[in-house]
Amino acid sequence: MKQTWRWFGPADTINVADLPQIGVEGIVTALHHIPPGAVWTVPEIRKRQAEIATPNGQETGLSWEVVESLPVSETLKTQGADYAAHITSYKDSLRNLAACGLQTVCYNFMPVLDWTRTNLAAKMAHGGTAMSFDVIDFAIFDLFLLKRAAARDDYTSDTLSIAEIRFASMDEMARKTLQNNIVAGLPGANDNWTVTEVAALLDTYRDIDSDKLRSNLIDFLSQVVPLAEELGMRMCCHPDDPPFPLLGMPRVMSSVKDYETVIGSIDSIANGATLCTGSLGVDPTFDGPDFVRRLGPRIHFAHLRNTTRHAPTDGDKTSFYEAMHLEGDTNMVGTIRALLAEEARRKSAGRTDSQIPMRPDHGQDILHDLNTDSMPGYPLVGRAKGLAELRGIMASLSA
C-alpha cells in the first residue's frame, strides 16, 4: 500500500517538507478554503500541488495523491433548490482535478455534521490525549444546547436522567466547549456551523428518511460516476462517523450492506469505497477482513485507525475513543492482510491501480504533540507512531 499522510495545507501546523523524514510517500489534502458547491479551479489545484512538491522552493519528492474531500454540499444531499448548479460545479471540479493528474476522490454523504466527537482531548491512562465520543455528552448537546424538538424521543429514560444531572453540574465554559467540539467544525469538514444554523439545516431533512437519503446519494452518483469513469478517476465514499444516527437524521453508509447497496446501484469501477476501519469499527458487528473480501475491487483508499467502544451506551449508540492504531476493537492485522491480498489480485489482473493508498488516521496526542497546537486528531508524533506500526505490519506480512 502507498503510505500517505493527510495535510491541511499551509495552515497546517506540520511542515509538509518534514514528512519524508517519517517515510511518507504521498499527500492527502483538499482545498478547504473553497466552500461546498463552488468550483475548484485549475490554478487553485496547481497552487496546492506546488505547495506540496516545492514548499518555499524546497523539493519534497511528494505529490498530491488523494483528494479528501471534494465536499458534497447539503444542497446535493437534500436535492435543494440549486441542485443542478451544484452538480455542474462538482463535475467541473472533477474535470479540473483530472486535468491536473488527480485520480482518487474521497467524499462523504453525512447529513449536516461531518465526523462528530464530544471531546477533542480526552485524557488517556498513558498521559496523552485522544478524541472521544460520549453518548451522555452528545445527548446533553442535543437536549439542552441545540434543544431539538424531538430529541427526547431518541434516548432511553436512563440516558435522559443521567444527561439532566450531568448538564446541571456543568459550568458555562464546559457547556460552551462541548458545543464547540460538535458544531464548530473538525478537520476535513468544509462547513462550520452555529447552533442556530444546525437547527435550520436539520429542518431541511425533516422529510428525508434513510431510504430518501440513500436515493439522493445514488442520484448524485448517477450524475458524477459516468464522468469520473470517463476521466479515469475513482470516487470513494467515506463511511458515516460514527456509524449510527445522530440528531434524528438518517445514516446510509454505516455497514458493509450499505456499501454493497450503493456500489451495486451503479456498476462502475469509478463508484467505490473508502475503507475507514475506525469509523466502521465503532459498530460491534464490523469485520474488517470480511469487508475487504466482499468489496475489495472497489476499495480505492484506506484509513487505517482504531477505536475502542465503552460504556455508556444507548441502543445502537455507543461511547468510544480513538485508540492506538494496533489496539482497539478492529482486527488491524487481519484487515491489512486482506488488503495486501487484494493488491496482489489486482496486480495479477493487470490493474493499473494495484497499489491502494492508505494513511494513518486520528492519532493520539503524545509527547511533543501535547505542547503543539495541531489539528484535533491529526498530531505529528501520534500519527507517525501509527504509521510506523502499520508499516511494520505490512512489512512482516509481505516478507
Protein backbone atom coordinates (compact mmCIF):
# COMPACT_ATOMS: atom_id res chain seq x y z
CA MET A 1 0.00 0.00 0.00
CA LYS A 2 1.12 3.55 -0.65
CA GLN A 3 1.80 5.30 2.66
CA THR A 4 0.13 8.71 2.55
CA TRP A 5 -0.46 11.49 5.05
CA ARG A 6 -3.29 13.94 5.49
CA TRP A 7 -2.07 17.54 5.31
CA PHE A 8 -4.35 20.55 5.65
CA GLY A 9 -2.38 22.95 3.51
CA PRO A 10 -0.34 25.99 4.53
CA ALA A 11 -2.48 26.47 7.67
CA ASP A 12 -1.39 23.05 8.96
CA THR A 13 1.00 23.20 11.92
CA ILE A 14 3.03 20.38 10.35
CA ASN A 15 5.60 21.34 7.72
CA VAL A 16 5.00 19.23 4.61
CA ALA A 17 8.73 19.41 3.82
CA ASP A 18 9.44 17.40 7.00
CA LEU A 19 7.18 14.47 6.13
CA PRO A 20 9.69 12.48 4.03
CA GLN A 21 11.66 12.03 7.27
CA ILE A 22 8.98 9.66 8.57
CA GLY A 23 8.57 7.72 5.34
CA VAL A 24 5.52 9.47 3.90
CA GLU A 25 5.12 8.64 0.19
CA GLY A 26 2.24 10.90 -0.81
CA ILE A 27 -0.14 13.59 0.45
CA VAL A 28 -3.89 13.57 1.02
CA THR A 29 -5.43 17.03 1.07
CA ALA A 30 -8.24 19.30 -0.13
CA LEU A 31 -8.96 22.93 -0.90
CA HIS A 32 -10.67 23.64 2.40
CA HIS A 33 -10.87 27.37 1.73
CA ILE A 34 -13.29 26.82 -1.17
CA PRO A 35 -16.90 26.48 0.07
CA PRO A 36 -19.04 23.47 -0.85
CA GLY A 37 -20.82 23.99 -4.15
CA ALA A 38 -18.08 26.19 -5.62
CA VAL A 39 -15.75 25.07 -8.42
CA TRP A 40 -12.17 24.01 -7.72
CA THR A 41 -10.27 25.81 -10.46
CA VAL A 42 -7.11 24.58 -12.17
CA PRO A 43 -4.99 27.47 -10.78
CA GLU A 44 -6.07 26.65 -7.20
CA ILE A 45 -5.37 22.96 -7.69
CA ARG A 46 -1.96 23.68 -9.25
CA LYS A 47 -1.15 26.02 -6.38
CA ARG A 48 -1.81 23.27 -3.81
CA GLN A 49 0.27 20.79 -5.83
CA ALA A 50 3.19 23.24 -5.78
CA GLU A 51 2.77 23.80 -2.03
CA ILE A 52 3.27 20.05 -1.61
CA ALA A 53 6.04 19.46 -4.15
CA THR A 54 8.18 22.56 -3.58
CA PRO A 55 7.27 24.44 -0.39
CA ASN A 56 9.45 27.56 -0.23
CA GLY A 57 11.39 26.18 -3.19
CA GLN A 58 12.39 23.00 -1.33
CA GLU A 59 11.90 19.75 -3.26
CA THR A 60 9.99 17.21 -1.14
CA GLY A 61 9.59 14.38 -3.64
CA LEU A 62 5.92 14.28 -2.59
CA SER A 63 2.79 14.78 -4.66
CA TRP A 64 -0.94 15.16 -4.06
CA GLU A 65 -2.20 11.54 -4.24
CA VAL A 66 -5.78 11.59 -2.93
CA VAL A 67 -8.39 14.34 -2.76
CA GLU A 68 -10.08 14.30 0.64
CA SER A 69 -12.59 15.65 0.33
CA LEU A 70 -14.27 17.23 -2.65
CA PRO A 71 -17.27 18.07 -0.47
CA VAL A 72 -20.82 17.09 -1.33
CA SER A 73 -22.89 20.15 -0.38
CA GLU A 74 -26.02 20.00 1.73
CA THR A 75 -27.87 21.09 -1.42
CA LEU A 76 -26.74 17.91 -3.17
CA LYS A 77 -27.61 15.73 -0.17
CA THR A 78 -31.12 17.15 0.11
CA GLN A 79 -31.66 17.88 -3.61
CA GLY A 80 -32.30 21.51 -2.75
CA ALA A 81 -33.20 24.42 -4.99
CA ASP A 82 -29.73 24.87 -6.53
CA TYR A 83 -29.18 21.16 -7.14
CA ALA A 84 -28.46 21.44 -10.88
CA ALA A 85 -25.93 24.23 -10.36
CA HIS A 86 -24.14 22.27 -7.63
CA ILE A 87 -23.97 19.17 -9.85
CA THR A 88 -22.44 21.28 -12.61
CA SER A 89 -19.88 22.71 -10.18
CA TYR A 90 -18.99 19.26 -8.89
CA LYS A 91 -18.46 17.97 -12.42
CA ASP A 92 -16.36 20.98 -13.33
CA SER A 93 -14.20 20.35 -10.26
CA LEU A 94 -13.73 16.72 -11.29
CA ARG A 95 -12.66 17.78 -14.77
CA ASN A 96 -10.18 20.27 -13.33
CA LEU A 97 -8.74 17.72 -10.89
CA ALA A 98 -8.32 15.21 -13.70
CA ALA A 99 -6.61 17.84 -15.85
CA CYS A 100 -4.08 18.23 -13.03
CA GLY A 101 -3.45 14.47 -12.83
CA LEU A 102 -5.53 13.65 -9.73
CA GLN A 103 -7.48 10.41 -9.93
CA THR A 104 -8.78 9.43 -6.48
CA VAL A 105 -11.54 11.47 -4.82
CA CYS A 106 -12.81 10.68 -1.33
CA TYR A 107 -16.16 12.17 -0.26
CA ASN A 108 -18.89 11.52 2.31
CA PHE A 109 -22.68 11.76 2.44
CA MET A 110 -23.22 12.53 6.14
CA PRO A 111 -26.08 14.99 6.79
CA VAL A 112 -25.10 18.39 8.26
CA LEU A 113 -22.39 17.34 10.71
CA ASP A 114 -19.25 15.71 9.40
CA TRP A 115 -17.48 13.29 11.74
CA THR A 116 -18.59 14.00 15.30
CA ARG A 117 -16.76 13.93 18.65
CA THR A 118 -17.72 15.34 22.05
CA ASN A 119 -14.18 15.64 23.45
CA LEU A 120 -11.17 16.54 21.31
CA ALA A 121 -8.60 15.84 24.03
CA ALA A 122 -9.79 13.13 26.41
CA LYS A 123 -7.11 12.10 28.91
CA MET A 124 -5.63 8.65 28.34
CA ALA A 125 -4.07 6.46 31.06
CA HIS A 126 -0.60 6.82 29.49
CA GLY A 127 -0.67 10.61 29.87
CA GLY A 128 -1.59 11.53 26.31
CA THR A 129 -4.97 12.52 24.91
CA ALA A 130 -7.37 11.25 22.27
CA MET A 131 -10.61 12.33 20.67
CA SER A 132 -13.70 10.64 22.06
CA PHE A 133 -17.46 10.42 21.72
CA ASP A 134 -19.60 10.16 24.85
CA VAL A 135 -23.27 9.26 24.47
CA ILE A 136 -24.33 11.26 27.51
CA ASP A 137 -22.44 14.38 26.43
CA PHE A 138 -23.95 14.16 22.96
CA ALA A 139 -27.42 13.82 24.50
CA ILE A 140 -26.69 16.95 26.55
CA PHE A 141 -25.86 18.85 23.37
CA ASP A 142 -28.97 17.55 21.60
CA LEU A 143 -31.36 18.15 24.50
CA PHE A 144 -30.11 21.29 26.22
CA LEU A 145 -27.80 23.18 23.84
CA LEU A 146 -29.33 22.52 20.44
CA LYS A 147 -32.76 21.99 22.06
CA ARG A 148 -34.00 19.84 19.19
CA ALA A 149 -37.76 19.39 19.49
CA ALA A 150 -37.86 15.59 19.11
CA ALA A 151 -34.61 14.88 20.93
CA ARG A 152 -36.18 13.18 23.95
CA ASP A 153 -37.63 10.50 21.67
CA ASP A 154 -34.13 9.33 20.67
CA TYR A 155 -32.81 8.36 24.11
CA THR A 156 -33.74 5.94 26.85
CA SER A 157 -35.09 7.16 30.18
CA ASP A 158 -31.77 6.26 31.83
CA THR A 159 -29.80 8.38 29.36
CA LEU A 160 -32.22 11.29 29.80
CA SER A 161 -31.90 11.14 33.56
CA ILE A 162 -28.10 10.98 33.57
CA ALA A 163 -27.87 13.74 30.95
CA GLU A 164 -30.06 16.07 33.03
CA ILE A 165 -27.91 15.53 36.11
CA ARG A 166 -24.62 16.00 34.25
CA PHE A 167 -25.83 19.10 32.42
CA ALA A 168 -26.87 20.70 35.73
CA SER A 169 -23.34 20.14 37.06
CA MET A 170 -21.59 21.74 34.05
CA ASP A 171 -20.45 25.35 34.20
CA GLU A 172 -20.84 27.74 31.27
CA MET A 173 -17.31 27.08 30.00
CA ALA A 174 -17.86 23.29 29.91
CA ARG A 175 -21.14 23.76 28.06
CA LYS A 176 -19.54 26.08 25.52
CA THR A 177 -16.62 23.71 24.97
CA LEU A 178 -18.97 20.79 24.34
CA GLN A 179 -20.98 22.86 21.88
CA ASN A 180 -17.88 24.00 20.01
CA ASN A 181 -16.47 20.47 19.83
CA ILE A 182 -19.60 19.32 18.00
CA VAL A 183 -20.61 22.22 15.77
CA ALA A 184 -17.57 24.46 15.26
CA GLY A 185 -16.10 22.22 12.61
CA LEU A 186 -13.48 19.50 12.65
CA PRO A 187 -10.56 18.90 10.28
CA GLY A 188 -11.89 17.72 6.94
CA ALA A 189 -15.26 19.38 7.41
CA ASN A 190 -15.73 22.20 4.94
CA ASP A 191 -18.62 23.71 6.87
CA ASN A 192 -18.54 25.49 10.23
CA TRP A 193 -21.94 25.92 11.83
CA THR A 194 -23.53 27.77 14.72
CA VAL A 195 -26.23 26.06 16.79
CA THR A 196 -28.86 28.20 15.07
CA GLU A 197 -27.56 27.16 11.64
CA VAL A 198 -27.51 23.48 12.64
CA ALA A 199 -31.14 23.72 13.74
CA ALA A 200 -32.11 25.33 10.43
CA LEU A 201 -30.23 22.67 8.43
CA LEU A 202 -31.89 19.88 10.39
CA ASP A 203 -35.22 21.28 9.26
CA THR A 204 -34.23 20.70 5.62
CA TYR A 205 -34.04 16.98 6.43
CA ARG A 206 -37.49 16.90 8.01
CA ASP A 207 -38.96 14.78 5.18
CA ILE A 208 -35.79 12.79 4.38
CA ASP A 209 -35.57 9.30 5.85
CA SER A 210 -32.83 6.75 5.20
CA ASP A 211 -34.48 5.49 2.01
CA LYS A 212 -34.74 9.01 0.61
CA LEU A 213 -31.18 9.94 1.60
CA ARG A 214 -29.86 6.75 0.00
CA SER A 215 -31.86 7.54 -3.13
CA ASN A 216 -30.34 11.03 -3.17
CA LEU A 217 -26.85 9.54 -2.87
CA ILE A 218 -27.50 7.18 -5.76
CA ASP A 219 -28.93 10.05 -7.82
CA PHE A 220 -25.79 12.08 -7.11
CA LEU A 221 -23.57 9.19 -8.15
CA SER A 222 -25.59 8.59 -11.31
CA GLN A 223 -24.68 12.16 -12.28
CA VAL A 224 -20.96 12.12 -11.45
CA VAL A 225 -19.75 8.50 -11.73
CA PRO A 226 -20.02 8.27 -15.56
CA LEU A 227 -17.90 11.40 -15.85
CA ALA A 228 -15.40 10.11 -13.29
CA GLU A 229 -15.08 6.85 -15.23
CA GLU A 230 -14.61 8.77 -18.49
CA LEU A 231 -11.86 10.82 -16.84
CA GLY A 232 -10.13 7.74 -15.39
CA MET A 233 -10.99 8.81 -11.86
CA ARG A 234 -12.13 6.81 -8.82
CA MET A 235 -14.79 8.10 -6.40
CA CYS A 236 -14.69 6.51 -2.94
CA CYS A 237 -17.29 7.19 -0.25
CA HIS A 238 -16.19 7.53 3.37
CA PRO A 239 -18.41 5.81 5.94
CA ASP A 240 -20.61 7.59 8.45
CA ASP A 241 -18.68 8.60 11.57
CA PRO A 242 -19.95 7.46 13.97
CA PRO A 243 -21.96 4.76 12.17
CA PHE A 244 -25.30 5.39 13.88
CA PRO A 245 -28.00 8.09 13.54
CA LEU A 246 -27.47 11.44 15.23
CA LEU A 247 -29.88 14.36 15.78
CA GLY A 248 -32.71 12.39 14.23
CA MET A 249 -31.01 12.31 10.83
CA PRO A 250 -30.58 9.16 8.73
CA ARG A 251 -27.30 7.36 8.05
CA VAL A 252 -26.81 5.39 4.83
CA MET A 253 -23.10 4.40 4.73
CA SER A 254 -22.58 2.66 8.06
CA SER A 255 -22.15 -1.02 7.19
CA VAL A 256 -20.92 -3.43 4.56
CA LYS A 257 -24.55 -3.91 3.45
CA ASP A 258 -24.91 -0.16 2.91
CA TYR A 259 -21.80 -0.19 0.73
CA GLU A 260 -22.97 -3.21 -1.24
CA THR A 261 -26.28 -1.47 -1.94
CA VAL A 262 -24.77 1.82 -3.09
CA ILE A 263 -21.86 0.32 -5.01
CA GLY A 264 -24.17 -2.23 -6.61
CA SER A 265 -26.54 0.50 -7.74
CA ILE A 266 -24.04 1.83 -10.29
CA ASP A 267 -21.75 -0.87 -11.65
CA SER A 268 -18.62 1.13 -12.40
CA ILE A 269 -15.07 0.87 -11.12
CA ALA A 270 -15.35 4.64 -10.53
CA ASN A 271 -18.02 4.00 -7.86
CA GLY A 272 -16.02 2.82 -4.88
CA ALA A 273 -15.35 2.85 -1.15
CA THR A 274 -13.03 4.45 1.33
CA LEU A 275 -12.40 1.79 3.96
CA CYS A 276 -12.16 3.57 7.32
CA THR A 277 -11.56 0.91 9.94
CA GLY A 278 -12.12 3.36 12.79
CA SER A 279 -15.49 4.71 11.66
CA LEU A 280 -16.92 1.33 10.68
CA GLY A 281 -15.22 -0.32 13.67
CA VAL A 282 -17.43 1.53 16.15
CA ASP A 283 -20.14 -0.93 15.08
CA PRO A 284 -19.56 -4.14 17.08
CA THR A 285 -20.57 -6.26 14.06
CA PHE A 286 -17.86 -4.79 11.81
CA ASP A 287 -15.42 -7.36 10.36
CA GLY A 288 -12.53 -5.64 8.58
CA PRO A 289 -11.16 -8.65 6.68
CA ASP A 290 -14.69 -9.59 5.57
CA PHE A 291 -15.32 -6.04 4.31
CA VAL A 292 -12.19 -6.27 2.15
CA ARG A 293 -13.06 -9.74 0.85
CA ARG A 294 -16.56 -8.60 -0.16
CA LEU A 295 -15.73 -5.16 -1.56
CA GLY A 296 -12.01 -5.37 -2.30
CA PRO A 297 -12.09 -4.50 -6.03
CA ARG A 298 -13.93 -1.25 -5.21
CA ILE A 299 -11.75 -0.10 -2.29
CA HIS A 300 -9.80 2.86 -3.64
CA PHE A 301 -8.49 4.33 -0.37
CA ALA A 302 -7.96 3.14 3.21
CA HIS A 303 -7.98 4.99 6.52
CA LEU A 304 -6.29 2.68 9.00
CA ARG A 305 -7.20 3.70 12.53
CA ASN A 306 -8.70 2.06 15.58
CA THR A 307 -11.41 2.82 18.11
CA THR A 308 -12.39 1.32 21.45
CA ARG A 309 -16.05 1.10 22.45
CA HIS A 310 -17.05 1.60 26.07
CA ALA A 311 -20.00 2.50 28.30
CA PRO A 312 -22.30 4.33 28.43
CA THR A 313 -24.38 3.14 25.51
CA ASP A 314 -27.92 3.85 24.37
CA GLY A 315 -29.38 1.34 21.91
CA ASP A 316 -27.15 1.34 18.84
CA LYS A 317 -25.30 4.44 20.06
CA THR A 318 -22.08 3.73 21.92
CA SER A 319 -19.35 5.79 23.51
CA PHE A 320 -15.84 5.29 22.13
CA TYR A 321 -12.38 6.80 21.94
CA GLU A 322 -9.65 6.88 19.31
CA ALA A 323 -7.31 4.03 20.24
CA MET A 324 -3.71 3.44 19.27
CA HIS A 325 -3.53 2.06 15.74
CA LEU A 326 -2.82 -1.55 16.72
CA GLU A 327 -5.10 -1.52 19.75
CA GLY A 328 -8.85 -1.08 19.90
CA ASP A 329 -11.70 -3.20 18.58
CA THR A 330 -10.69 -3.58 14.91
CA ASN A 331 -8.61 -6.54 13.73
CA MET A 332 -5.97 -4.36 12.09
CA VAL A 333 -3.56 -7.16 11.23
CA GLY A 334 -6.29 -9.20 9.55
CA THR A 335 -7.57 -6.17 7.65
CA ILE A 336 -4.09 -5.29 6.36
CA ARG A 337 -3.55 -8.92 5.34
CA ALA A 338 -6.79 -8.81 3.33
CA LEU A 339 -5.82 -5.51 1.70
CA LEU A 340 -2.43 -6.87 0.67
CA ALA A 341 -4.15 -9.93 -0.83
CA GLU A 342 -6.46 -7.60 -2.77
CA GLU A 343 -3.44 -5.70 -4.10
CA ALA A 344 -1.90 -8.98 -5.25
CA ARG A 345 -5.12 -9.90 -7.08
CA ARG A 346 -5.17 -6.53 -8.82
CA LYS A 347 -1.56 -6.84 -9.87
CA SER A 348 -2.13 -10.31 -11.33
CA ALA A 349 -5.16 -8.96 -13.21
CA GLY A 350 -3.09 -6.14 -14.68
CA ARG A 351 -4.95 -3.33 -12.95
CA THR A 352 -3.12 -0.01 -13.03
CA ASP A 353 -4.39 0.80 -9.53
CA SER A 354 -2.95 -2.28 -7.87
CA GLN A 355 -1.41 -0.17 -5.07
CA ILE A 356 -4.05 1.11 -2.65
CA PRO A 357 -3.26 4.43 -0.94
CA MET A 358 -3.58 4.28 2.83
CA ARG A 359 -2.97 6.69 5.64
CA PRO A 360 -2.76 6.52 9.43
CA ASP A 361 -5.70 8.39 10.89
CA HIS A 362 -6.77 10.15 14.09
CA GLY A 363 -3.63 9.61 16.14
CA GLN A 364 -3.47 10.16 19.86
CA ASP A 365 -1.59 13.23 21.08
CA ILE A 366 1.59 12.04 22.78
CA LEU A 367 4.97 13.52 23.77
CA HIS A 368 5.72 16.63 21.65
CA ASP A 369 2.10 16.70 20.43
CA LEU A 370 0.89 17.72 23.87
CA ASN A 371 2.68 21.06 23.58
CA THR A 372 1.72 21.69 19.95
CA ASP A 373 -1.43 23.33 18.66
CA SER A 374 -2.08 20.72 16.00
CA MET A 375 -5.34 19.90 14.25
CA PRO A 376 -7.58 17.80 16.56
CA GLY A 377 -6.94 14.15 15.77
CA TYR A 378 -4.02 14.96 13.48
CA PRO A 379 -0.89 15.23 15.64
CA LEU A 380 2.59 14.62 14.25
CA VAL A 381 4.06 12.15 16.75
CA GLY A 382 0.89 10.16 17.36
CA ARG A 383 0.30 9.62 13.64
CA ALA A 384 4.00 8.97 12.94
CA LYS A 385 3.90 6.26 15.59
CA GLY A 386 0.79 4.80 13.98
CA LEU A 387 2.34 4.89 10.52
CA ALA A 388 5.45 3.11 11.80
CA GLU A 389 3.31 0.40 13.40
CA LEU A 390 1.20 -0.07 10.26
CA ARG A 391 4.34 -0.14 8.12
CA GLY A 392 5.74 -2.87 10.34
CA ILE A 393 2.63 -4.99 9.89
CA MET A 394 2.74 -4.52 6.11
CA ALA A 395 6.44 -5.40 6.01
CA SER A 396 6.01 -8.55 8.10
CA LEU A 397 3.03 -9.78 6.06
CA SER A 398 4.89 -9.09 2.80
CA ALA A 399 8.08 -10.90 3.81
